[in-house]
Amino acid sequence: MLRLEEAADELLMSTAQLRKRLYRAKTSYKSIVLETRMGLARHYLESTPLSIQEIAFLLDYSQAGPFSRAFKNYYGFSPRDARLAG
């Protein structure tokens, strides 16, 4: 995932400008990254045969454990349960 500075560069604005716009929109870069990661995770779990480890790696997690905890904190159920329901 892009760092805030890289995202600002891609949007042709300063980091401060991007932070200010996100603040005005009542969100944060961290929230947007988490929302994007979790949306992709759910898509991959429900629509692909990729393993949880592979999905974790694709979403820039170093291991499946931290990914699984983040997923469960976000959705309230485990990646395994999402896969079984999908």
PDB file of N, CA and C in Angstrom:
ATOM      1  N   MET A   1       0.838  -1.181   0.000  1.00  0.00           N
ATOM      2  CA  MET A   1       0.000   0.000   0.000  1.00  0.00           C
ATOM      3  C   MET A   1       0.885   1.247   0.000  1.00  0.00           C
ATOM      4  N   LEU A   2       0.378   2.259  -0.599  1.00  0.00           N
ATOM      5  CA  LEU A   2       1.105   3.523  -0.638  1.00  0.00           C
ATOM      6  C   LEU A   2       1.150   4.171   0.735  1.00  0.00           C
ATOM      7  N   ARG A   3       2.265   4.795   1.032  1.00  0.00           N
ATOM      8  CA  ARG A   3       2.344   5.633   2.225  1.00  0.00           C
ATOM      9  C   ARG A   3       1.622   6.938   1.931  1.00  0.00           C
ATOM     10  N   LEU A   4       1.270   7.670   2.968  1.00  0.00           N
ATOM     11  CA  LEU A   4       0.570   8.943   2.823  1.00  0.00           C
ATOM     12  C   LEU A   4       1.338   9.882   1.896  1.00  0.00           C
ATOM     13  N   GLU A   5       2.631   9.945   2.063  1.00  0.00           N
ATOM     14  CA  GLU A   5       3.454  10.833   1.245  1.00  0.00           C
ATOM     15  C   GLU A   5       3.377  10.449  -0.230  1.00  0.00           C
ATOM     16  N   GLU A   6       3.406   9.155  -0.508  1.00  0.00           N
ATOM     17  CA  GLU A   6       3.322   8.681  -1.890  1.00  0.00           C
ATOM     18  C   GLU A   6       1.946   8.969  -2.488  1.00  0.00           C
ATOM     19  N   ALA A   7       0.910   8.790  -1.689  1.00  0.00           N
ATOM     20  CA  ALA A   7      -0.446   9.094  -2.165  1.00  0.00           C
ATOM     21  C   ALA A   7      -0.572  10.575  -2.485  1.00  0.00           C
ATOM     22  N   ALA A   8      -0.034  11.427  -1.627  1.00  0.00           N
ATOM     23  CA  ALA A   8      -0.079  12.872  -1.869  1.00  0.00           C
ATOM     24  C   ALA A   8       0.658  13.211  -3.163  1.00  0.00           C
ATOM     25  N   ASP A   9       1.812  12.608  -3.371  1.00  0.00           N
ATOM     26  CA  ASP A   9       2.564  12.846  -4.612  1.00  0.00           C
ATOM     27  C   ASP A   9       1.745  12.437  -5.834  1.00  0.00           C
ATOM     28  N   GLU A  10       1.093  11.281  -5.764  1.00  0.00           N
ATOM     29  CA  GLU A  10       0.265  10.808  -6.881  1.00  0.00           C
ATOM     30  C   GLU A  10      -0.899  11.757  -7.160  1.00  0.00           C
ATOM     31  N   LEU A  11      -1.394  12.392  -6.110  1.00  0.00           N
ATOM     32  CA  LEU A  11      -2.514  13.330  -6.247  1.00  0.00           C
ATOM     33  C   LEU A  11      -2.050  14.758  -6.533  1.00  0.00           C
ATOM     34  N   LEU A  12      -0.739  14.915  -6.693  1.00  0.00           N
ATOM     35  CA  LEU A  12      -0.131  16.217  -6.995  1.00  0.00           C
ATOM     36  C   LEU A  12      -0.479  17.271  -5.945  1.00  0.00           C
ATOM     37  N   MET A  13      -0.347  16.866  -4.676  1.00  0.00           N
ATOM     38  CA  MET A  13      -0.560  17.807  -3.580  1.00  0.00           C
ATOM     39  C   MET A  13       0.417  17.485  -2.461  1.00  0.00           C
ATOM     40  N   SER A  14       0.542  18.412  -1.547  1.00  0.00           N
ATOM     41  CA  SER A  14       1.441  18.184  -0.419  1.00  0.00           C
ATOM     42  C   SER A  14       0.772  17.245   0.584  1.00  0.00           C
ATOM     43  N   THR A  15       1.595  16.685   1.447  1.00  0.00           N
ATOM     44  CA  THR A  15       1.072  15.825   2.503  1.00  0.00           C
ATOM     45  C   THR A  15       0.110  16.606   3.388  1.00  0.00           C
ATOM     46  N   ALA A  16       0.456  17.844   3.692  1.00  0.00           N
ATOM     47  CA  ALA A  16      -0.407  18.687   4.534  1.00  0.00           C
ATOM     48  C   ALA A  16      -1.760  18.930   3.865  1.00  0.00           C
ATOM     49  N   GLN A  17      -1.750  19.176   2.569  1.00  0.00           N
ATOM     50  CA  GLN A  17      -3.012  19.391   1.846  1.00  0.00           C
ATOM     51  C   GLN A  17      -3.887  18.142   1.892  1.00  0.00           C
ATOM     52  N   LEU A  18      -3.277  16.988   1.689  1.00  0.00           N
ATOM     53  CA  LEU A  18      -4.034  15.739   1.718  1.00  0.00           C
ATOM     54  C   LEU A  18      -4.614  15.501   3.106  1.00  0.00           C
ATOM     55  N   ARG A  19      -3.797  15.702   4.137  1.00  0.00           N
ATOM     56  CA  ARG A  19      -4.299  15.535   5.506  1.00  0.00           C
ATOM     57  C   ARG A  19      -5.475  16.467   5.776  1.00  0.00           C
ATOM     58  N   LYS A  20      -5.360  17.701   5.314  1.00  0.00           N
ATOM     59  CA  LYS A  20      -6.417  18.695   5.530  1.00  0.00           C
ATOM     60  C   LYS A  20      -7.713  18.265   4.836  1.00  0.00           C
ATOM     61  N   ARG A  21      -7.599  17.775   3.616  1.00  0.00           N
ATOM     62  CA  ARG A  21      -8.796  17.318   2.887  1.00  0.00           C
ATOM     63  C   ARG A  21      -9.434  16.108   3.566  1.00  0.00           C
ATOM     64  N   LEU A  22      -8.608  15.206   4.031  1.00  0.00           N
ATOM     65  CA  LEU A  22      -9.135  14.037   4.731  1.00  0.00           C
ATOM     66  C   LEU A  22      -9.805  14.447   6.038  1.00  0.00           C
ATOM     67  N   TYR A  23      -9.212  15.397   6.737  1.00  0.00           N
ATOM     68  CA  TYR A  23      -9.801  15.903   7.979  1.00  0.00           C
ATOM     69  C   TYR A  23     -11.164  16.528   7.703  1.00  0.00           C
ATOM     70  N   ARG A  24     -11.241  17.317   6.654  1.00  0.00           N
ATOM     71  CA  ARG A  24     -12.523  17.939   6.286  1.00  0.00           C
ATOM     72  C   ARG A  24     -13.574  16.897   5.918  1.00  0.00           C
ATOM     73  N   ALA A  25     -13.132  15.791   5.349  1.00  0.00           N
ATOM     74  CA  ALA A  25     -14.043  14.703   4.981  1.00  0.00           C
ATOM     75  C   ALA A  25     -14.325  13.775   6.171  1.00  0.00           C
ATOM     76  N   LYS A  26     -13.779  14.147   7.329  1.00  0.00           N
ATOM     77  CA  LYS A  26     -13.975  13.379   8.571  1.00  0.00           C
ATOM     78  C   LYS A  26     -13.489  11.937   8.440  1.00  0.00           C
ATOM     79  N   THR A  27     -12.322  11.793   7.836  1.00  0.00           N
ATOM     80  CA  THR A  27     -11.700  10.480   7.722  1.00  0.00           C
ATOM     81  C   THR A  27     -10.196  10.650   7.859  1.00  0.00           C
ATOM     82  N   SER A  28      -9.481   9.565   7.741  1.00  0.00           N
ATOM     83  CA  SER A  28      -8.023   9.599   7.804  1.00  0.00           C
ATOM     84  C   SER A  28      -7.462   8.653   6.753  1.00  0.00           C
ATOM     85  N   TYR A  29      -6.203   8.852   6.445  1.00  0.00           N
ATOM     86  CA  TYR A  29      -5.550   7.976   5.477  1.00  0.00           C
ATOM     87  C   TYR A  29      -5.535   6.540   6.001  1.00  0.00           C
ATOM     88  N   LYS A  30      -5.267   6.407   7.292  1.00  0.00           N
ATOM     89  CA  LYS A  30      -5.236   5.082   7.912  1.00  0.00           C
ATOM     90  C   LYS A  30      -6.589   4.379   7.766  1.00  0.00           C
ATOM     91  N   SER A  31      -7.679   5.104   7.962  1.00  0.00           N
ATOM     92  CA  SER A  31      -9.022   4.526   7.821  1.00  0.00           C
ATOM     93  C   SER A  31      -9.292   4.084   6.388  1.00  0.00           C
ATOM     94  N   ILE A  32      -8.877   4.901   5.435  1.00  0.00           N
ATOM     95  CA  ILE A  32      -9.084   4.563   4.026  1.00  0.00           C
ATOM     96  C   ILE A  32      -8.284   3.320   3.647  1.00  0.00           C
ATOM     97  N   VAL A  33      -7.049   3.244   4.121  1.00  0.00           N
ATOM     98  CA  VAL A  33      -6.216   2.072   3.834  1.00  0.00           C
ATOM     99  C   VAL A  33      -6.842   0.818   4.440  1.00  0.00           C
ATOM    100  N   LEU A  34      -7.293   0.909   5.695  1.00  0.00           N
ATOM    101  CA  LEU A  34      -7.909  -0.248   6.342  1.00  0.00           C
ATOM    102  C   LEU A  34      -9.175  -0.678   5.606  1.00  0.00           C
ATOM    103  N   GLU A  35     -10.024   0.281   5.258  1.00  0.00           N
ATOM    104  CA  GLU A  35     -11.265  -0.026   4.538  1.00  0.00           C
ATOM    105  C   GLU A  35     -10.975  -0.707   3.198  1.00  0.00           C
ATOM    106  N   THR A  36      -9.970  -0.207   2.496  1.00  0.00           N
ATOM    107  CA  THR A  36      -9.586  -0.781   1.203  1.00  0.00           C
ATOM    108  C   THR A  36      -9.044  -2.193   1.373  1.00  0.00           C
ATOM    109  N   ARG A  37      -8.143  -2.368   2.346  1.00  0.00           N
ATOM    110  CA  ARG A  37      -7.575  -3.691   2.603  1.00  0.00           C
ATOM    111  C   ARG A  37      -8.658  -4.704   2.949  1.00  0.00           C
ATOM    112  N   MET A  38      -9.555  -4.327   3.833  1.00  0.00           N
ATOM    113  CA  MET A  38     -10.584  -5.267   4.278  1.00  0.00           C
ATOM    114  C   MET A  38     -11.583  -5.583   3.163  1.00  0.00           C
ATOM    115  N   GLY A  39     -11.883  -4.603   2.333  1.00  0.00           N
ATOM    116  CA  GLY A  39     -12.756  -4.855   1.187  1.00  0.00           C
ATOM    117  C   GLY A  39     -12.125  -5.826   0.209  1.00  0.00           C
ATOM    118  N   LEU A  40     -10.843  -5.622  -0.066  1.00  0.00           N
ATOM    119  CA  LEU A  40     -10.125  -6.547  -0.951  1.00  0.00           C
ATOM    120  C   LEU A  40     -10.018  -7.930  -0.321  1.00  0.00           C
ATOM    121  N   ALA A  41      -9.759  -7.970   0.981  1.00  0.00           N
ATOM    122  CA  ALA A  41      -9.643  -9.252   1.671  1.00  0.00           C
ATOM    123  C   ALA A  41     -10.931 -10.052   1.537  1.00  0.00           C
ATOM    124  N   ARG A  42     -12.041  -9.400   1.778  1.00  0.00           N
ATOM    125  CA  ARG A  42     -13.326 -10.108   1.687  1.00  0.00           C
ATOM    126  C   ARG A  42     -13.580 -10.590   0.256  1.00  0.00           C
ATOM    127  N   HIS A  43     -13.262  -9.747  -0.711  1.00  0.00           N
ATOM    128  CA  HIS A  43     -13.414 -10.145  -2.115  1.00  0.00           C
ATOM    129  C   HIS A  43     -12.560 -11.377  -2.419  1.00  0.00           C
ATOM    130  N   TYR A  44     -11.282 -11.331  -2.028  1.00  0.00           N
ATOM    131  CA  TYR A  44     -10.391 -12.462  -2.294  1.00  0.00           C
ATOM    132  C   TYR A  44     -10.881 -13.731  -1.606  1.00  0.00           C
ATOM    133  N   LEU A  45     -11.340 -13.606  -0.371  1.00  0.00           N
ATOM    134  CA  LEU A  45     -11.805 -14.779   0.373  1.00  0.00           C
ATOM    135  C   LEU A  45     -13.040 -15.402  -0.264  1.00  0.00           C
ATOM    136  N   GLU A  46     -13.936 -14.564  -0.743  1.00  0.00           N
ATOM    137  CA  GLU A  46     -15.203 -15.058  -1.285  1.00  0.00           C
ATOM    138  C   GLU A  46     -15.128 -15.431  -2.766  1.00  0.00           C
ATOM    139  N   SER A  47     -14.118 -14.910  -3.474  1.00  0.00           N
ATOM    140  CA  SER A  47     -14.115 -15.067  -4.930  1.00  0.00           C
ATOM    141  C   SER A  47     -12.895 -15.758  -5.521  1.00  0.00           C
ATOM    142  N   THR A  48     -11.913 -16.090  -4.694  1.00  0.00           N
ATOM    143  CA  THR A  48     -10.703 -16.714  -5.229  1.00  0.00           C
ATOM    144  C   THR A  48     -10.315 -17.919  -4.378  1.00  0.00           C
ATOM    145  N   PRO A  49      -9.475 -18.788  -4.925  1.00  0.00           N
ATOM    146  CA  PRO A  49      -8.977 -19.923  -4.138  1.00  0.00           C
ATOM    147  C   PRO A  49      -7.697 -19.590  -3.362  1.00  0.00           C
ATOM    148  N   LEU A  50      -7.297 -18.321  -3.333  1.00  0.00           N
ATOM    149  CA  LEU A  50      -6.069 -17.945  -2.634  1.00  0.00           C
ATOM    150  C   LEU A  50      -6.143 -18.326  -1.163  1.00  0.00           C
ATOM    151  N   SER A  51      -5.015 -18.767  -0.625  1.00  0.00           N
ATOM    152  CA  SER A  51      -4.969 -19.103   0.802  1.00  0.00           C
ATOM    153  C   SER A  51      -4.999 -17.821   1.632  1.00  0.00           C
ATOM    154  N   ILE A  52      -5.316 -17.964   2.906  1.00  0.00           N
ATOM    155  CA  ILE A  52      -5.322 -16.804   3.804  1.00  0.00           C
ATOM    156  C   ILE A  52      -3.928 -16.200   3.873  1.00  0.00           C
ATOM    157  N   GLN A  53      -2.904 -17.035   3.884  1.00  0.00           N
ATOM    158  CA  GLN A  53      -1.520 -16.550   3.889  1.00  0.00           C
ATOM    159  C   GLN A  53      -1.231 -15.727   2.627  1.00  0.00           C
ATOM    160  N   GLU A  54      -1.663 -16.205   1.473  1.00  0.00           N
ATOM    161  CA  GLU A  54      -1.441 -15.474   0.220  1.00  0.00           C
ATOM    162  C   GLU A  54      -2.181 -14.136   0.224  1.00  0.00           C
ATOM    163  N   ILE A  55      -3.395 -14.135   0.735  1.00  0.00           N
ATOM    164  CA  ILE A  55      -4.172 -12.896   0.805  1.00  0.00           C
ATOM    165  C   ILE A  55      -3.486 -11.916   1.749  1.00  0.00           C
ATOM    166  N   ALA A  56      -3.033 -12.403   2.889  1.00  0.00           N
ATOM    167  CA  ALA A  56      -2.318 -11.544   3.839  1.00  0.00           C
ATOM    168  C   ALA A  56      -1.114 -10.899   3.159  1.00  0.00           C
ATOM    169  N   PHE A  57      -0.346 -11.694   2.437  1.00  0.00           N
ATOM    170  CA  PHE A  57       0.835 -11.181   1.743  1.00  0.00           C
ATOM    171  C   PHE A  57       0.447 -10.135   0.694  1.00  0.00           C
ATOM    172  N   LEU A  58      -0.604 -10.410  -0.089  1.00  0.00           N
ATOM    173  CA  LEU A  58      -1.056  -9.461  -1.117  1.00  0.00           C
ATOM    174  C   LEU A  58      -1.463  -8.117  -0.523  1.00  0.00           C
ATOM    175  N   LEU A  59      -1.985  -8.161   0.700  1.00  0.00           N
ATOM    176  CA  LEU A  59      -2.471  -6.942   1.344  1.00  0.00           C
ATOM    177  C   LEU A  59      -1.428  -6.314   2.262  1.00  0.00           C
ATOM    178  N   ASP A  60      -0.178  -6.744   2.097  1.00  0.00           N
ATOM    179  CA  ASP A  60       0.962  -6.145   2.781  1.00  0.00           C
ATOM    180  C   ASP A  60       1.037  -6.466   4.272  1.00  0.00           C
ATOM    181  N   TYR A  61       0.501  -7.610   4.665  1.00  0.00           N
ATOM    182  CA  TYR A  61       0.696  -8.103   6.029  1.00  0.00           C
ATOM    183  C   TYR A  61       1.863  -9.073   5.986  1.00  0.00           C
ATOM    184  N   SER A  62       2.696  -9.058   7.023  1.00  0.00           N
ATOM    185  CA  SER A  62       3.878  -9.915   7.030  1.00  0.00           C
ATOM    186  C   SER A  62       3.540 -11.376   7.304  1.00  0.00           C
ATOM    187  N   GLN A  63       2.419 -11.608   8.002  1.00  0.00           N
ATOM    188  CA  GLN A  63       2.001 -12.964   8.342  1.00  0.00           C
ATOM    189  C   GLN A  63       0.483 -13.044   8.359  1.00  0.00           C
ATOM    190  N   ALA A  64      -0.026 -14.271   8.357  1.00  0.00           N
ATOM    191  CA  ALA A  64      -1.476 -14.470   8.368  1.00  0.00           C
ATOM    192  C   ALA A  64      -2.100 -14.075   9.703  1.00  0.00           C
ATOM    193  N   GLY A  65      -1.373 -14.231  10.807  1.00  0.00           N
ATOM    194  CA  GLY A  65      -1.914 -13.931  12.135  1.00  0.00           C
ATOM    195  C   GLY A  65      -2.390 -12.487  12.283  1.00  0.00           C
ATOM    196  N   PRO A  66      -1.518 -11.513  12.029  1.00  0.00           N
ATOM    197  CA  PRO A  66      -1.963 -10.116  12.129  1.00  0.00           C
ATOM    198  C   PRO A  66      -3.094  -9.783  11.153  1.00  0.00           C
ATOM    199  N   PHE A  67      -3.045 -10.365   9.969  1.00  0.00           N
ATOM    200  CA  PHE A  67      -4.130 -10.151   9.006  1.00  0.00           C
ATOM    201  C   PHE A  67      -5.446 -10.692   9.554  1.00  0.00           C
ATOM    202  N   SER A  68      -5.416 -11.908  10.080  1.00  0.00           N
ATOM    203  CA  SER A  68      -6.639 -12.528  10.606  1.00  0.00           C
ATOM    204  C   SER A  68      -7.218 -11.725  11.763  1.00  0.00           C
ATOM    205  N   ARG A  69      -6.356 -11.211  12.647  1.00  0.00           N
ATOM    206  CA  ARG A  69      -6.833 -10.382  13.762  1.00  0.00           C
ATOM    207  C   ARG A  69      -7.462  -9.094  13.258  1.00  0.00           C
ATOM    208  N   ALA A  70      -6.814  -8.449  12.299  1.00  0.00           N
ATOM    209  CA  ALA A  70      -7.358  -7.203  11.740  1.00  0.00           C
ATOM    210  C   ALA A  70      -8.699  -7.463  11.061  1.00  0.00           C
ATOM    211  N   PHE A  71      -8.794  -8.552  10.328  1.00  0.00           N
ATOM    212  CA  PHE A  71     -10.039  -8.905   9.637  1.00  0.00           C
ATOM    213  C   PHE A  71     -11.155  -9.140  10.653  1.00  0.00           C
ATOM    214  N   LYS A  72     -10.851  -9.903  11.700  1.00  0.00           N
ATOM    215  CA  LYS A  72     -11.870 -10.208  12.710  1.00  0.00           C
ATOM    216  C   LYS A  72     -12.285  -8.946  13.464  1.00  0.00           C
ATOM    217  N   ASN A  73     -11.344  -8.069  13.773  1.00  0.00           N
ATOM    218  CA  ASN A  73     -11.681  -6.802  14.437  1.00  0.00           C
ATOM    219  C   ASN A  73     -12.572  -5.945  13.553  1.00  0.00           C
ATOM    220  N   TYR A  74     -12.345  -5.976  12.262  1.00  0.00           N
ATOM    221  CA  TYR A  74     -13.096  -5.141  11.319  1.00  0.00           C
ATOM    222  C   TYR A  74     -14.497  -5.689  11.066  1.00  0.00           C
ATOM    223  N   TYR A  75     -14.589  -6.998  10.800  1.00  0.00           N
ATOM    224  CA  TYR A  75     -15.868  -7.595  10.406  1.00  0.00           C
ATOM    225  C   TYR A  75     -16.610  -8.321  11.536  1.00  0.00           C
ATOM    226  N   GLY A  76     -15.884  -8.733  12.567  1.00  0.00           N
ATOM    227  CA  GLY A  76     -16.529  -9.468  13.651  1.00  0.00           C
ATOM    228  C   GLY A  76     -16.545 -10.972  13.449  1.00  0.00           C
ATOM    229  N   PHE A  77     -15.923 -11.442  12.380  1.00  0.00           N
ATOM    230  CA  PHE A  77     -15.788 -12.878  12.134  1.00  0.00           C
ATOM    231  C   PHE A  77     -14.457 -13.116  11.433  1.00  0.00           C
ATOM    232  N   SER A  78     -14.006 -14.352  11.484  1.00  0.00           N
ATOM    233  CA  SER A  78     -12.671 -14.678  10.973  1.00  0.00           C
ATOM    234  C   SER A  78     -12.646 -14.790   9.450  1.00  0.00           C
ATOM    235  N   PRO A  79     -11.450 -14.682   8.868  1.00  0.00           N
ATOM    236  CA  PRO A  79     -11.329 -14.903   7.422  1.00  0.00           C
ATOM    237  C   PRO A  79     -11.806 -16.300   7.020  1.00  0.00           C
ATOM    238  N   ARG A  80     -11.551 -17.272   7.862  1.00  0.00           N
ATOM    239  CA  ARG A  80     -12.005 -18.643   7.575  1.00  0.00           C
ATOM    240  C   ARG A  80     -13.529 -18.695   7.495  1.00  0.00           C
ATOM    241  N   ASP A  81     -14.194 -18.040   8.440  1.00  0.00           N
ATOM    242  CA  ASP A  81     -15.661 -18.005   8.419  1.00  0.00           C
ATOM    243  C   ASP A  81     -16.177 -17.277   7.177  1.00  0.00           C
ATOM    244  N   ALA A  82     -15.481 -16.218   6.774  1.00  0.00           N
ATOM    245  CA  ALA A  82     -15.881 -15.482   5.563  1.00  0.00           C
ATOM    246  C   ALA A  82     -15.757 -16.382   4.340  1.00  0.00           C
ATOM    247  N   ARG A  83     -14.694 -17.147   4.292  1.00  0.00           N
ATOM    248  CA  ARG A  83     -14.489 -18.058   3.159  1.00  0.00           C
ATOM    249  C   ARG A  83     -15.580 -19.121   3.127  1.00  0.00           C
ATOM    250  N   LEU A  84     -15.917 -19.675   4.265  1.00  0.00           N
ATOM    251  CA  LEU A  84     -16.944 -20.725   4.321  1.00  0.00           C
ATOM    252  C   LEU A  84     -18.319 -20.180   3.957  1.00  0.00           C
ATOM    253  N   ALA A  85     -18.581 -18.933   4.319  1.00  0.00           N
ATOM    254  CA  ALA A  85     -19.881 -18.322   4.016  1.00  0.00           C
ATOM    255  C   ALA A  85     -19.971 -17.869   2.566  1.00  0.00           C
ATOM    256  N   GLY A  86     -18.789 -17.573   1.958  1.00  0.00           N
ATOM    257  CA  GLY A  86     -18.762 -17.036   0.602  1.00  0.00           C
ATOM    258  C   GLY A  86     -19.098 -18.049  -0.407  1.00  0.00           C
TER     259      GLY A  86
END
